[in-house]
Protein backbone atom coordinates (compact mmCIF):
# COMPACT_ATOMS: atom_id res chain seq x y z
CA SER A 1 75.79 61.92 59.94
CA ASN A 2 75.48 60.98 56.27
CA ALA A 3 75.08 64.64 55.29
CA ALA A 4 78.34 65.69 56.99
CA ALA A 5 80.22 62.74 55.46
CA ALA A 6 78.83 63.54 52.01
CA ARG A 7 79.94 67.18 52.32
CA LEU A 8 83.46 66.17 53.27
CA LEU A 9 83.72 63.73 50.39
CA GLU A 10 82.50 66.35 47.95
CA GLN A 11 85.00 68.90 49.22
CA THR A 12 87.99 66.55 49.01
CA SER A 13 89.73 64.95 46.07
CA GLU A 14 89.74 61.26 45.19
CA GLY A 15 93.15 60.77 46.79
CA CYS A 16 92.00 62.15 50.14
CA ALA A 17 90.54 59.68 52.67
CA VAL A 18 87.86 60.60 55.21
CA TRP A 19 88.13 58.78 58.56
CA ASN A 20 85.68 58.74 61.46
CA PHE A 21 87.34 58.28 64.85
CA TYR A 22 85.45 57.52 68.03
CA GLY A 23 86.98 57.44 71.48
CA SER A 24 87.68 59.53 74.56
CA THR A 25 90.57 61.08 76.44
CA GLU A 26 90.43 58.23 78.96
CA THR A 27 90.79 55.48 76.32
CA GLU A 28 91.91 54.82 72.78
CA ASN A 29 89.89 54.96 69.54
CA LEU A 30 87.81 53.10 67.04
CA PHE A 31 88.19 54.03 63.38
CA PHE A 32 86.19 53.77 60.19
CA LYS A 33 87.22 54.77 56.68
CA VAL A 34 84.26 56.33 54.90
CA PRO A 35 84.06 54.83 51.39
CA ARG A 36 83.53 57.02 48.37
CA ASP A 37 80.47 54.93 47.52
CA LEU A 38 78.14 56.04 50.32
CA GLU A 39 75.47 53.52 49.33
CA SER A 40 77.69 50.61 50.42
CA TRP A 41 77.05 51.28 54.13
CA ARG A 42 73.76 53.18 54.16
CA TRP A 43 71.61 50.14 54.71
CA GLY A 44 71.51 50.52 58.45
CA GLY A 45 70.45 54.17 58.54
CA SER A 46 72.06 57.60 58.49
CA ILE A 47 74.70 56.97 61.19
CA VAL A 48 78.35 56.99 60.20
CA PRO A 49 79.81 53.87 61.87
CA ALA A 50 82.51 54.26 64.50
CA GLY A 51 84.09 51.19 62.97
CA CYS A 52 86.43 48.70 64.58
CA PRO A 53 88.66 49.16 67.63
CA GLN A 54 92.42 49.40 67.52
CA PRO A 55 94.31 46.16 68.31
CA HIS A 56 95.00 47.12 71.95
CA VAL A 57 91.42 48.28 72.61
CA ARG A 58 88.37 46.22 73.54
CA VAL A 59 84.85 47.55 73.12
CA PHE A 60 81.69 46.08 74.61
CA VAL A 61 77.99 46.92 74.31
CA LEU A 62 76.22 46.00 77.56
CA ASP A 63 72.58 46.11 78.57
CA HIS A 64 71.20 47.46 81.86
CA LEU A 65 72.29 44.24 83.63
CA GLN A 66 75.80 44.67 82.18
CA ARG A 67 75.40 41.66 79.89
CA GLN A 68 76.80 41.75 76.36
CA SER A 69 74.14 42.76 73.88
CA THR A 70 73.68 44.03 70.33
CA GLU A 71 72.42 47.39 71.64
CA GLY A 72 73.17 49.12 74.91
CA GLU A 73 75.75 51.26 76.70
CA ILE A 74 79.27 51.37 75.27
CA PHE A 75 82.16 50.27 77.52
CA PHE A 76 85.90 50.35 76.78
CA GLY A 77 88.50 47.85 77.99
CA GLY A 78 92.16 47.27 77.35
CA VAL A 79 94.47 50.30 77.35
CA MET A 80 92.88 53.13 79.33
CA PHE A 81 93.43 55.55 82.19
CA HIS A 82 93.70 54.62 85.88
CA GLY A 83 91.43 57.30 87.34
CA TYR A 84 90.77 61.02 87.72
CA TYR A 85 93.35 62.83 89.82
CA GLY A 86 91.87 64.05 93.09
CA GLN A 87 88.31 62.93 92.18
CA PRO A 88 87.70 59.44 93.61
CA ASP A 89 83.90 59.68 93.33
CA TRP A 90 84.07 60.39 89.62
CA THR A 91 86.60 57.57 89.21
CA ARG A 92 84.30 55.07 90.94
CA GLU A 93 81.42 56.20 88.73
CA ARG A 94 83.30 55.79 85.45
CA LEU A 95 85.54 52.76 86.15
CA VAL A 96 83.58 49.50 86.42
CA ASP A 97 85.08 46.23 87.64
CA HIS A 98 83.11 43.72 85.54
CA PRO A 99 83.09 40.18 86.97
CA SER A 100 84.00 38.52 83.66
CA LEU A 101 85.34 41.29 81.39
CA GLY A 102 87.66 42.95 83.93
CA PRO A 103 88.12 46.72 84.37
CA LEU A 104 85.92 48.72 81.98
CA TYR A 105 85.41 52.42 81.29
CA ARG A 106 81.76 53.54 81.17
CA THR A 107 81.40 56.07 78.32
CA GLY A 108 77.77 57.01 78.91
CA ASP A 109 77.18 56.62 75.14
CA TRP A 110 74.45 54.37 73.71
CA GLY A 111 75.36 52.21 70.72
CA ARG A 112 74.81 49.03 68.74
CA TRP A 113 76.74 46.63 66.57
CA GLY A 114 76.10 47.00 62.85
CA LEU A 115 77.40 45.55 59.60
CA CYS A 116 80.36 47.95 59.53
CA GLY A 117 81.21 47.84 63.21
CA LEU A 118 80.07 49.91 66.16
CA GLU A 119 77.41 52.58 65.63
CA VAL A 120 77.05 55.34 68.24
CA LEU A 121 73.41 56.28 68.77
CA GLY A 122 73.78 59.07 71.33
CA ARG A 123 74.13 59.71 75.04
CA ARG A 124 72.41 58.06 77.96
CA ASP A 125 72.68 61.34 79.86
CA ARG A 126 72.50 64.87 78.42
CA GLN A 127 76.21 65.23 77.74
CA VAL A 128 77.21 66.28 74.22
CA LYS A 129 80.48 67.06 72.52
CA ILE A 130 80.79 70.56 71.02
CA ARG A 131 83.91 71.19 68.93
CA GLY A 132 85.69 68.36 70.70
CA VAL A 133 84.75 69.52 74.21
CA ARG A 134 82.31 67.70 76.47
CA VAL A 135 79.40 69.87 77.53
CA GLU A 136 76.72 69.03 80.09
CA LEU A 137 73.42 70.54 78.95
CA GLU A 138 72.23 70.82 82.56
CA GLU A 139 75.27 72.99 83.34
CA VAL A 140 74.52 75.28 80.40
CA GLU A 141 70.89 75.56 81.55
CA ALA A 142 72.01 76.51 85.09
CA VAL A 143 74.26 79.31 83.82
CA LEU A 144 71.58 80.43 81.37
CA THR A 145 69.00 80.65 84.17
CA ALA A 146 71.37 82.69 86.35
CA ALA A 147 72.19 85.03 83.44
CA GLY A 148 68.52 85.60 82.69
CA LYS A 149 67.39 86.40 86.23
CA GLY A 150 67.58 90.13 85.79
CA LEU A 151 65.76 89.90 82.45
CA GLY A 152 62.71 88.10 83.76
CA VAL A 153 63.57 84.62 82.48
CA ALA A 154 61.46 82.03 84.33
CA ALA A 155 62.56 78.78 82.64
CA THR A 156 65.30 77.65 80.28
CA ALA A 157 66.10 74.52 78.31
CA VAL A 158 69.00 73.64 76.01
CA ALA A 159 69.16 71.04 73.26
CA ALA A 160 71.87 69.90 70.88
CA VAL A 161 71.00 69.93 67.17
CA ASP A 162 72.88 69.29 63.93
CA GLY A 163 73.87 72.61 62.40
CA PRO A 164 75.74 73.54 59.22
CA SER A 165 79.07 72.93 60.95
CA GLY A 166 78.27 70.04 63.28
CA VAL A 167 76.57 69.74 66.64
CA GLN A 168 75.50 73.11 68.04
CA LEU A 169 73.53 74.25 71.06
CA CYS A 170 70.11 75.87 70.90
CA ALA A 171 68.51 77.56 73.93
CA VAL A 172 64.79 77.97 74.61
CA VAL A 173 63.72 80.58 77.18
CA ALA A 174 60.36 81.56 78.62
CA PRO A 175 58.95 84.18 78.58
CA PRO A 176 60.40 86.08 75.57
CA VAL A 177 63.41 88.33 76.34
CA ASP A 178 66.07 90.29 74.45
CA HIS A 179 68.27 87.57 72.95
CA GLY A 180 71.19 89.95 72.33
CA VAL A 181 71.50 90.94 75.97
CA LEU A 182 71.10 87.32 77.09
CA ARG A 183 73.85 86.22 74.70
CA GLN A 184 76.21 88.89 76.05
CA ARG A 185 75.62 87.73 79.60
CA CYS A 186 76.23 84.13 78.60
CA GLU A 187 79.49 85.06 76.87
CA GLU A 188 80.64 86.73 80.08
CA ALA A 189 79.69 83.77 82.29
CA MET A 190 80.79 80.70 80.31
CA PRO A 191 83.39 79.61 77.73
CA ALA A 192 82.70 80.20 74.05
CA TRP A 193 81.98 76.55 73.27
CA MET A 194 79.17 76.48 75.87
CA VAL A 195 77.35 79.57 74.55
CA PRO A 196 74.26 78.52 72.56
CA SER A 197 74.44 79.27 68.85
CA SER A 198 70.80 80.32 68.73
CA PHE A 199 68.09 81.45 71.13
CA SER A 200 64.33 80.85 70.87
CA SER A 201 61.58 82.28 73.05
CA VAL A 202 58.23 80.77 74.02
CA ASP A 203 55.47 82.11 76.23
CA SER A 204 55.67 79.06 78.50
CA MET A 205 58.05 76.11 78.62
CA PRO A 206 56.52 72.83 77.36
CA ARG A 207 55.95 70.46 80.28
CA LEU A 208 55.16 66.79 80.78
CA ALA A 209 52.29 65.57 82.93
CA THR A 210 54.78 65.23 85.80
CA GLY A 211 55.72 68.90 85.56
CA LYS A 212 59.18 68.26 84.12
CA THR A 213 60.40 69.97 80.96
CA ASP A 214 59.33 68.16 77.81
CA LEU A 215 62.77 67.65 76.25
CA ALA A 216 61.30 66.11 73.10
CA ALA A 217 59.22 69.23 72.46
CA VAL A 218 62.26 71.40 73.18
CA GLN A 219 64.25 69.35 70.67
CA GLN A 220 61.57 69.96 68.03
CA LEU A 221 61.56 73.71 68.76
CA CYS A 222 65.32 73.83 68.39
CA ALA A 223 65.23 71.80 65.19
CA ARG A 224 63.06 74.52 63.62
CA ALA A 225 65.29 77.37 64.87
CA ASP A 226 67.78 79.13 62.64
CA ILE A 227 71.22 77.92 63.69
CA GLU A 228 74.09 80.31 63.21
CA ALA A 229 76.45 78.87 60.61
CA GLU A 230 79.70 79.25 62.53
CA ASP A 231 82.22 76.43 62.67
CA SER A 232 84.95 75.97 65.28
CA LEU A 233 87.45 77.95 63.23
CA GLY A 234 84.98 80.80 62.86
CA THR A 235 84.34 80.79 66.60
CA MET A 236 88.06 80.77 67.29
CA ARG A 237 88.58 83.70 64.93
CA ARG A 238 85.73 85.68 66.50
CA VAL A 239 86.85 85.04 70.08
CA THR A 240 90.48 85.74 69.20
CA ARG A 241 89.53 88.95 67.41
CA GLU A 242 87.48 90.16 70.39
CA GLN A 243 90.24 89.20 72.83
CA LEU A 244 92.89 90.96 70.75
CA ALA A 245 90.75 94.10 70.48
CA GLU A 246 90.27 94.16 74.26
CA ASP A 247 94.02 93.62 74.85
CA CYS A 248 94.84 96.51 72.52
CA TRP A 249 92.32 98.74 74.29
CA VAL A 250 93.81 97.94 77.70
CA GLN A 251 97.35 98.52 76.46
CA ARG A 252 96.42 101.90 75.01
CA GLN A 253 95.12 102.99 78.39
CA GLN A 254 98.23 101.69 80.12
CA ALA A 255 100.39 103.62 77.68
CA VAL A 256 98.50 106.89 78.29
CA TRP A 257 98.62 106.58 82.07
CA CYS A 258 102.29 105.53 81.99
CA ILE A 259 103.15 108.74 80.13
CA VAL A 260 101.10 110.71 82.66
CA VAL A 261 103.04 109.12 85.53
CA MET A 262 106.37 109.87 83.85
CA ILE A 263 105.40 113.51 83.28
CA GLY A 264 104.93 113.92 87.02
CA HIS A 265 108.14 112.12 87.96
CA PHE A 266 110.35 113.94 85.46
CA ALA A 267 109.89 117.09 87.54
CA VAL A 268 111.68 119.43 85.14
CA VAL A 269 108.87 121.97 85.48
CA HIS A 270 108.37 121.87 89.26
CA PRO A 271 108.56 125.51 90.41
CA GLU A 272 110.41 124.51 93.61
CA CYS A 273 112.99 122.42 91.79
CA PRO A 274 116.38 124.22 91.62
CA GLU A 275 116.98 122.89 88.12
CA ALA A 276 113.62 123.97 86.70
CA HIS A 277 113.50 126.31 83.73
CA PRO A 278 112.73 129.94 84.65
CA ALA A 279 109.71 129.91 82.35
CA CYS A 280 108.08 127.12 84.34
CA GLY A 281 105.67 128.43 86.90
CA ALA A 282 103.01 127.09 89.21
CA GLU A 283 100.40 127.00 86.43
CA THR A 284 102.56 124.72 84.28
CA TRP A 285 103.16 122.33 87.15
CA LEU A 286 99.47 122.40 88.10
CA LEU A 287 98.48 121.58 84.51
CA MET A 288 100.77 118.57 84.32
CA ASN A 289 100.17 117.29 87.84
CA SER A 290 96.38 117.54 87.56
CA LEU A 291 96.38 115.00 84.73
CA SER A 292 97.57 112.30 87.12
CA HIS A 293 96.68 113.26 90.70
CA TRP A 294 96.15 109.60 91.72
CA HIS A 295 93.88 109.01 88.71
CA ASP A 296 96.74 107.05 87.12
CA MET A 297 97.11 104.58 89.98
CA ALA A 298 93.34 104.10 90.14
CA ALA A 299 93.30 103.37 86.41
CA PHE A 300 96.10 100.79 86.70
CA ALA A 301 94.26 99.03 89.57
CA LEU A 302 90.97 98.91 87.65
CA LEU A 303 92.67 97.63 84.49
CA ALA A 304 94.52 94.93 86.44
CA GLY A 305 91.24 93.76 87.95
CA LEU A 306 89.52 93.81 84.55
CA VAL A 307 92.23 91.66 82.94
CA ASP A 308 92.37 89.19 85.85
CA GLY A 309 88.57 88.97 85.82
CA ARG A 310 88.66 87.07 82.52
CA GLY A 311 89.30 83.84 84.40
CA PRO A 312 89.04 82.40 87.90
CA ALA A 313 91.00 84.05 90.68
CA GLY A 314 94.38 82.48 91.35
CA MET A 315 98.04 83.17 91.96
CA GLY A 316 101.06 81.64 90.27
CA TRP A 317 104.53 82.26 88.92
CA ARG A 318 103.60 85.71 87.61
CA ASP A 319 102.92 86.86 91.15
CA ALA A 320 106.24 85.42 92.32
CA VAL A 321 108.02 87.40 89.58
CA LEU A 322 106.20 90.62 90.51
CA LEU A 323 107.05 90.09 94.17
CA GLY A 324 110.71 89.62 93.30
CA LEU A 325 110.69 92.79 91.19
CA ALA A 326 109.01 94.73 94.00
CA VAL A 327 111.69 93.63 96.46
CA LEU A 328 114.44 94.62 94.03
CA MET A 329 112.77 97.98 93.40
CA SER A 330 112.72 98.62 97.14
CA GLY A 331 116.44 99.29 97.19
CA PRO A 332 118.91 97.10 95.25
CA LEU A 333 117.91 98.23 91.76
CA SER A 334 118.49 101.88 92.62
CA PHE A 335 122.19 101.25 93.15
CA VAL A 336 122.48 99.59 89.74
CA LEU A 337 120.20 101.64 87.48
CA SER A 338 120.23 105.12 88.99
CA PRO A 339 122.78 107.67 87.76
CA GLY A 340 122.60 109.22 91.23
CA TYR A 341 123.92 106.18 93.07
CA GLY A 342 126.09 103.14 92.55
CA PRO A 343 128.21 102.38 89.45
CA LEU A 344 126.57 105.02 87.24
CA ARG A 345 127.28 107.91 89.61
CA ALA A 346 130.82 108.42 88.32
CA LEU A 347 129.53 108.45 84.73
CA PHE A 348 126.77 111.01 85.22
CA GLN A 349 128.26 112.95 88.16
CA PRO A 350 124.98 114.35 89.55
CA PRO A 351 125.20 117.46 91.73
CA ASP A 352 125.37 116.86 95.48
CA ALA A 353 122.53 119.32 96.00
CA LEU A 354 120.10 116.76 94.64
CA ALA A 355 120.64 114.61 97.71
CA ALA A 356 118.70 117.23 99.70
CA VAL A 357 115.60 117.00 97.49
CA PRO A 358 112.90 115.46 99.78
CA HIS A 359 111.48 112.99 97.26
CA VAL A 360 114.86 111.51 96.25
CA THR A 361 114.64 108.70 98.78
CA PHE A 362 111.05 107.82 98.04
CA LEU A 363 111.50 107.57 94.30
CA VAL A 364 113.77 104.61 95.05
CA LEU A 365 110.83 102.92 96.77
CA HIS A 366 108.30 103.07 93.95
CA GLY A 367 107.67 99.32 94.07
CA TRP A 368 104.79 100.03 96.46
CA PHE A 369 102.22 99.66 93.66
CA LEU A 370 103.29 96.08 93.01
CA TYR A 371 102.87 95.31 96.70
CA ALA A 372 99.36 96.82 96.59
CA LEU A 373 98.49 94.83 93.45
CA LEU A 374 99.75 91.55 94.90
CA GLY A 375 97.84 92.18 98.11
CA ALA A 376 94.66 92.83 96.13
CA ARG A 377 95.10 89.63 94.10
CA ALA A 378 95.68 87.57 97.24
CA LEU A 379 92.59 89.13 98.85
CA VAL A 380 90.37 88.24 95.89
CA VAL A 381 91.71 84.66 95.87
CA ALA A 382 90.89 84.32 99.57
CA LEU A 383 87.40 85.78 99.15
CA GLU A 384 86.70 83.48 96.20
CA ARG A 385 87.87 80.46 98.19
CA LEU A 386 85.41 81.47 100.91
CA ARG A 387 82.69 81.54 98.19
CA ILE A 388 81.70 85.13 98.99
CA PRO A 389 79.58 86.51 96.11
CA GLY A 390 81.25 89.09 93.88
CA GLN A 391 78.67 91.79 94.55
CA LEU A 392 79.15 91.38 98.30
CA GLN A 393 82.91 91.61 97.83
CA VAL A 394 82.56 94.93 96.00
CA VAL A 395 80.13 96.39 98.55
CA GLY A 396 82.32 95.31 101.46
CA ALA A 397 85.48 96.68 99.86
CA VAL A 398 83.81 100.05 99.19
CA ALA A 399 82.57 100.26 102.79
CA VAL A 400 86.00 99.45 104.22
CA ALA A 401 87.78 101.90 101.89
CA CYS A 402 85.35 104.66 102.81
CA PHE A 403 84.92 104.27 106.58
CA LEU A 404 88.06 102.55 107.87
CA PRO A 405 90.16 105.31 109.48
CA ASP A 406 93.92 105.39 109.82
CA ASP A 407 93.69 105.17 113.60
CA TRP A 408 94.64 101.50 113.53
CA GLN A 409 98.21 102.58 112.80
CA LEU A 410 98.37 104.05 116.31
CA TYR A 411 98.56 100.48 117.64
CA LEU A 412 101.89 100.06 115.83
CA SER A 413 105.15 101.16 117.36
CA ASP A 414 106.60 104.50 116.33
CA ASP A 415 109.64 102.77 114.86
CA LEU A 416 107.48 100.48 112.71
CA ARG A 417 105.34 103.34 111.45
CA MET A 418 108.43 105.36 110.60
CA GLU A 419 109.92 102.37 108.82
CA MET A 420 106.74 101.99 106.73
CA TRP A 421 106.87 105.67 105.88
CA LYS A 422 110.56 105.48 104.90
CA ARG A 423 110.43 102.19 102.98
CA ASN A 424 107.20 102.64 101.04
CA GLY A 425 106.91 105.57 98.68
CA GLY A 426 103.15 105.16 98.38
CA VAL A 427 102.64 105.38 102.14
CA ALA A 428 104.89 108.45 102.30
CA PHE A 429 103.15 110.34 99.50
CA ARG A 430 99.56 109.05 99.64
CA GLY A 431 99.17 107.25 102.96
CA PHE A 432 98.56 103.57 103.74
CA ARG A 433 94.79 103.86 103.47
CA ALA A 434 94.80 105.19 99.91
CA CYS A 435 97.47 102.82 98.57
CA HIS A 436 96.75 99.54 100.33
CA ILE A 437 93.01 99.76 101.00
CA THR A 438 91.48 101.97 98.31
CA LEU A 439 93.52 100.56 95.42
CA PRO A 440 92.60 96.95 96.32
CA MET A 441 88.98 98.12 96.45
CA LEU A 442 89.31 99.38 92.88
CA TYR A 443 90.97 96.11 91.83
CA ILE A 444 88.03 94.13 93.27
CA ALA A 445 85.59 96.43 91.47
CA GLY A 446 87.42 95.92 88.17
CA PHE A 447 87.56 92.14 88.74
CA HIS A 448 83.83 91.72 89.31
CA CYS A 449 82.23 94.73 87.59
CA GLY A 450 84.56 95.42 84.68
CA ARG A 451 83.08 93.00 82.19
CA PRO A 452 79.40 93.84 82.86
CA VAL A 453 80.21 97.54 82.52
CA MET A 454 82.03 96.88 79.24
CA ALA A 455 79.06 94.88 77.92
CA ALA A 456 76.70 97.71 78.81
CA ALA A 457 79.00 100.26 77.18
CA ARG A 458 79.13 98.26 73.95
CA GLY A 459 75.35 98.35 73.82
CA VAL A 460 75.24 102.17 73.72
CA ALA A 461 78.44 102.82 71.72
CA PRO A 462 78.01 104.33 68.25
CA SER A 463 78.48 101.94 65.33
CA ALA A 464 79.38 104.50 62.64
CA TRP A 465 83.06 105.39 62.33
CA TRP A 466 82.37 109.13 62.43
CA GLY A 467 80.38 108.73 65.65
CA GLN A 468 83.22 106.77 67.23
CA LEU A 469 85.74 109.40 66.14
CA CYS A 470 83.68 112.28 67.53
CA LEU A 471 83.13 110.46 70.83
CA SER A 472 86.85 109.69 71.21
CA VAL A 473 87.89 113.28 70.52
CA ALA A 474 85.23 114.67 72.86
CA ALA A 475 86.21 112.29 75.67
CA GLY A 476 89.91 113.09 75.33
CA TRP A 477 89.32 116.84 75.31
CA ALA A 478 86.94 116.59 78.27
CA TRP A 479 89.56 114.66 80.26
CA PHE A 480 92.28 117.21 79.53
CA VAL A 481 90.17 120.30 80.16
CA GLY A 482 88.34 118.80 83.14
CA SER A 483 91.53 117.74 84.89
CA PHE A 484 93.13 121.16 84.53
CA THR A 485 89.95 123.03 85.41
CA SER A 486 89.45 121.06 88.64
CA GLY A 487 92.94 122.08 89.74
CA MET A 488 92.51 125.71 88.74
CA LEU A 489 89.21 125.92 90.66
CA GLY A 490 91.02 125.06 93.84
CA TYR A 491 90.36 121.33 94.24
CA GLY A 492 94.03 120.47 93.97
CA ALA A 493 94.11 118.30 97.08
CA TYR A 494 92.02 115.34 98.21
CA ARG A 495 90.29 115.56 101.55
CA ALA A 496 88.54 112.17 101.88
CA VAL A 497 90.29 109.55 99.74
CA TYR A 498 93.37 110.73 101.63
CA ASP A 499 94.07 113.98 103.43
CA GLU A 500 96.53 115.56 101.05
CA LYS A 501 97.13 118.59 103.27
CA SER A 502 98.16 116.74 106.43
CA LEU A 503 101.53 115.22 107.28
CA GLY A 504 101.34 111.51 106.51
CA HIS A 505 98.01 112.03 104.68
CA LEU A 506 96.14 110.27 107.49
CA VAL A 507 92.34 110.22 107.57
CA THR A 508 91.58 109.61 111.24
CA SER A 509 88.24 109.00 112.93
CA GLU A 510 88.53 112.44 114.54
CA TYR A 511 89.02 113.98 111.11
CA MET A 512 85.92 112.16 109.79
CA ALA A 513 83.81 113.22 112.78
CA SER A 514 84.93 116.84 112.57
CA GLN A 515 83.22 117.17 109.18
CA GLY A 516 80.26 115.00 110.07
CA LEU A 517 80.26 111.35 109.02
CA GLY A 518 77.51 111.90 106.46
CA TRP A 519 79.26 114.87 104.87
CA TYR A 520 82.55 112.93 104.86
CA ALA A 521 80.86 110.00 103.04
CA VAL A 522 79.42 112.40 100.45
CA LEU A 523 82.86 113.95 99.99
CA TRP A 524 84.52 110.53 99.60
CA VAL A 525 81.95 109.41 97.03
CA SER A 526 82.38 112.69 95.13
CA GLU A 527 86.15 112.33 94.98
CA MET A 528 85.94 108.69 93.87
CA THR A 529 83.39 109.66 91.23
CA MET A 530 85.72 112.35 89.93
CA ILE A 531 88.58 109.82 89.75
CA LEU A 532 86.49 107.15 88.03
CA PHE A 533 85.04 109.69 85.59
CA SER A 534 88.55 110.70 84.57
CA VAL A 535 89.52 107.05 84.06
CA ALA A 536 86.35 106.45 82.01
CA LEU A 537 87.06 109.43 79.76
CA VAL A 538 90.51 108.07 78.90
CA ALA A 539 89.01 104.63 78.27
CA VAL A 540 86.52 106.10 75.80
CA ALA A 541 89.12 108.38 74.20
CA VAL A 542 91.38 105.46 73.22
CA ALA A 543 88.61 102.95 72.44
CA TRP A 544 88.71 103.34 68.66
CA ILE A 545 92.33 104.30 68.10
CA PRO A 546 94.10 101.67 65.94
CA GLY A 547 97.12 99.79 67.25
CA ARG A 548 98.49 99.16 70.73
CA PHE A 549 100.64 102.32 70.97
CA GLU A 550 103.69 100.35 69.97
CA PRO A 551 106.27 100.04 71.35
CA LEU A 552 105.03 101.47 74.66
CA GLY A 553 101.71 99.70 75.15
CA PRO A 554 102.95 96.15 75.83
CA ARG A 555 106.10 97.42 77.62
CA VAL A 556 104.64 99.53 80.39
CA LEU A 557 106.19 97.40 83.15
CA GLY A 558 109.73 98.14 81.99
CA CYS A 559 109.05 101.88 81.79
CA TYR A 560 107.42 101.82 85.23
CA ILE A 561 110.49 100.17 86.78
CA LEU A 562 113.18 102.20 85.02
CA HIS A 563 112.01 105.80 84.72
CA PRO A 564 112.17 106.93 88.39
CA TYR A 565 115.89 106.16 88.47
CA HIS A 566 116.43 108.70 85.67
CA ALA A 567 113.93 111.30 86.89
CA LEU A 568 115.25 114.61 88.14
CA GLY A 569 114.95 113.70 91.82
CA MET A 570 117.29 110.73 91.33
CA GLY A 571 120.00 112.81 89.75
CA ALA A 572 120.05 112.53 85.96
CA PRO A 573 121.64 115.75 84.61
CA TRP A 574 121.30 114.51 81.03
CA VAL A 575 117.53 114.95 81.36
CA ILE A 576 117.99 118.64 82.04
CA ALA A 577 120.59 118.90 79.28
CA LEU A 578 118.12 117.51 76.74
CA VAL A 579 114.95 119.28 77.86
CA GLN A 580 116.18 122.74 78.83
CA PRO A 581 117.03 123.89 75.26
CA LEU A 582 113.56 122.88 74.10
CA LEU A 583 111.93 124.70 77.00
CA SER A 584 113.98 127.80 76.19
CA ALA A 585 112.87 127.64 72.56
CA VAL A 586 109.23 127.56 73.64
CA ALA A 587 109.72 130.41 76.11
CA ASP A 588 111.43 132.58 73.46
CA LEU A 589 108.35 132.45 71.24
CA ASP A 590 106.75 135.22 73.31
CA MET A 591 103.35 133.51 73.44
CA PRO A 592 100.49 134.13 75.89
CA ARG A 593 100.99 132.45 79.23
CA SER A 594 98.34 129.79 78.63
CA ALA A 595 99.83 128.87 75.25
CA GLU A 596 103.30 128.79 76.79
CA ASP A 597 102.09 126.42 79.51
CA LEU A 598 100.66 124.11 76.87
CA GLY A 599 103.87 124.27 74.84
CA ILE A 600 106.06 123.44 77.84
CA SER A 601 103.75 120.59 78.79
CA GLY A 602 103.93 119.27 75.24
CA VAL A 603 107.74 119.32 75.30
CA VAL A 604 107.86 117.34 78.53
CA ALA A 605 105.23 114.88 77.25
CA LEU A 606 107.19 114.42 74.01
CA PHE A 607 110.36 113.73 75.98
CA CYS A 608 108.53 111.11 78.07
CA VAL A 609 107.17 109.40 74.95
CA VAL A 610 110.64 109.24 73.36
CA TYR A 611 112.15 107.98 76.62
CA ALA A 612 109.47 105.27 76.96
CA CYS A 613 109.86 104.11 73.35
CA THR A 614 113.67 103.88 73.57
CA LEU A 615 115.22 103.31 76.99
CA GLY A 616 112.01 102.07 78.59
CA ALA A 617 111.21 99.61 75.80
CA ALA A 618 114.82 98.35 75.66
CA PHE A 619 114.88 97.79 79.42
CA HIS A 620 111.56 95.91 79.24
CA GLU A 621 112.83 93.59 76.51
CA GLY A 622 116.03 92.95 78.46
CA LEU A 623 114.03 92.23 81.59
CA VAL A 624 111.79 89.77 79.73
CA ALA A 625 114.83 88.05 78.22
CA CYS A 626 116.41 87.64 81.66
CA LEU A 627 113.19 86.24 83.12
CA ASN A 628 112.83 83.78 80.21
CA TRP A 629 116.43 82.63 80.70
CA LEU A 630 115.82 82.18 84.41
CA ALA A 631 112.62 80.20 83.75
CA LYS A 632 114.44 77.88 81.33
CA ALA A 633 117.25 77.39 83.82
CA VAL A 634 114.78 76.43 86.56
CA GLN A 635 112.95 74.02 84.23
CA THR A 636 116.25 72.41 83.20
CA LYS A 637 117.18 71.75 86.80
């Protein structure tokens, strides 16, 4: 428009030229240099001309009979695309074989020839271009209607208006609703450039005599609305800032749960471990083990689903890399990285007695979580391809995780079941049902429910810094005290998510029936609620902590892969050599037993943090460098 051109000329110096380009991805462009003297081309109205075509481009204005005219639909000829890949119907619609002009591209724009070249008057359909991206207003209205169903929205309409920073979208809804909640739902359901910049409410949508929406009246309503002055750069900054804040929040949680996992695996305080410090008793081990107790794996599954839920379900090279790492972690890596086996055995010389520790073998097989994650991702992709609604996916996954017994394994041969138990650490320690059915259920829940839950949480979160600080501290203390208290009160073993007291941790149909199916369902829901509540407390506790817990937050994968090979069960005497003097120093302080337990736990946690920030982070960076080199080598070939 004239106003936009005038603003640009005022904001630029005399030596800076302002050009107006018109074209599309399928074709080339027209160009027009806006003169400093605006009056020289204002005779025809307030439209900035598109100008003249480039030498290898032909432009035609055709009427409804496809005859050349001074005003009509704009068609491009000359250099242009050959069609849309995999979309023949769309290609036939846009490419026109004119009897005298040859192949033409139908733009859908309405224009006319003026004194300074082509002038674009608007669209024939309701397609507009927002920040360089084509947007169908009908598509925005469909998403807006779906987002407003739960709010009581009966009708919606969207119009494009000229705002302070160009064309922007304005939505009109009937009857009046909370615009803030509606905007949040739209941001979750559509890209940023499709979200209306402003929302207006009316008691009833204006209609024509035919019953259709009166788009002219809607356009007038939107023209009177206050449009948010946010240009494309401002939108990019806001979206990037929100995305970065969410990434930091996820990485903080991953860092906390990674440390919790490492505390359990570095079993230097296990009372049954022959290398444990004499001051370490059952209470110390219970305190440290109760912090994880499968809450960590549930948190990782939920976070993975939340992150993947940002976009459409799909699988790619990342999944191939994770599958390769899982295969390597199922055996070969242990003979390279572990000081208890392979080349490093002669350097560390672990005691032979460690070979008799029961969990030595299974720590080698800790790639089971990657298998569970990849299975969950593949399941979601399949369910999305079948167009099963997200809510139905969550309900079905919860029902299967709750009521599917482990009896199906009886149809497998004894040798196959033993092989699963020996080759999969998760199956050996938690059972197949918990690792490969319940964790995918949590992934599906995070994929479909994570973002709505986050939006609801933002609505009730305190805005003052002191309120955020108090809530974070309270949530962290509640997680720590609640986890330890649940173990001390005797609920140290699951009985429904998996049967922690039985060999193989199987939950059979006979086991379910022995307690009563209703009582079993109540018990399962209670245990899952306890797990999810613990995960939620950690999420709140780290919500307003600055930073990403560098260098651990973004490097959790490397720590997850490396640390079991250096844990006590895998034979790393240097761990004992480093930690034992610190444990002795704490024990010599002659403190009350509870304070001593906390001190010992703090020493082990500090060791895990230092390990993660040094060896774990270095291994992660080396792993990423190797993968980047491999990717470049594949691309070169």
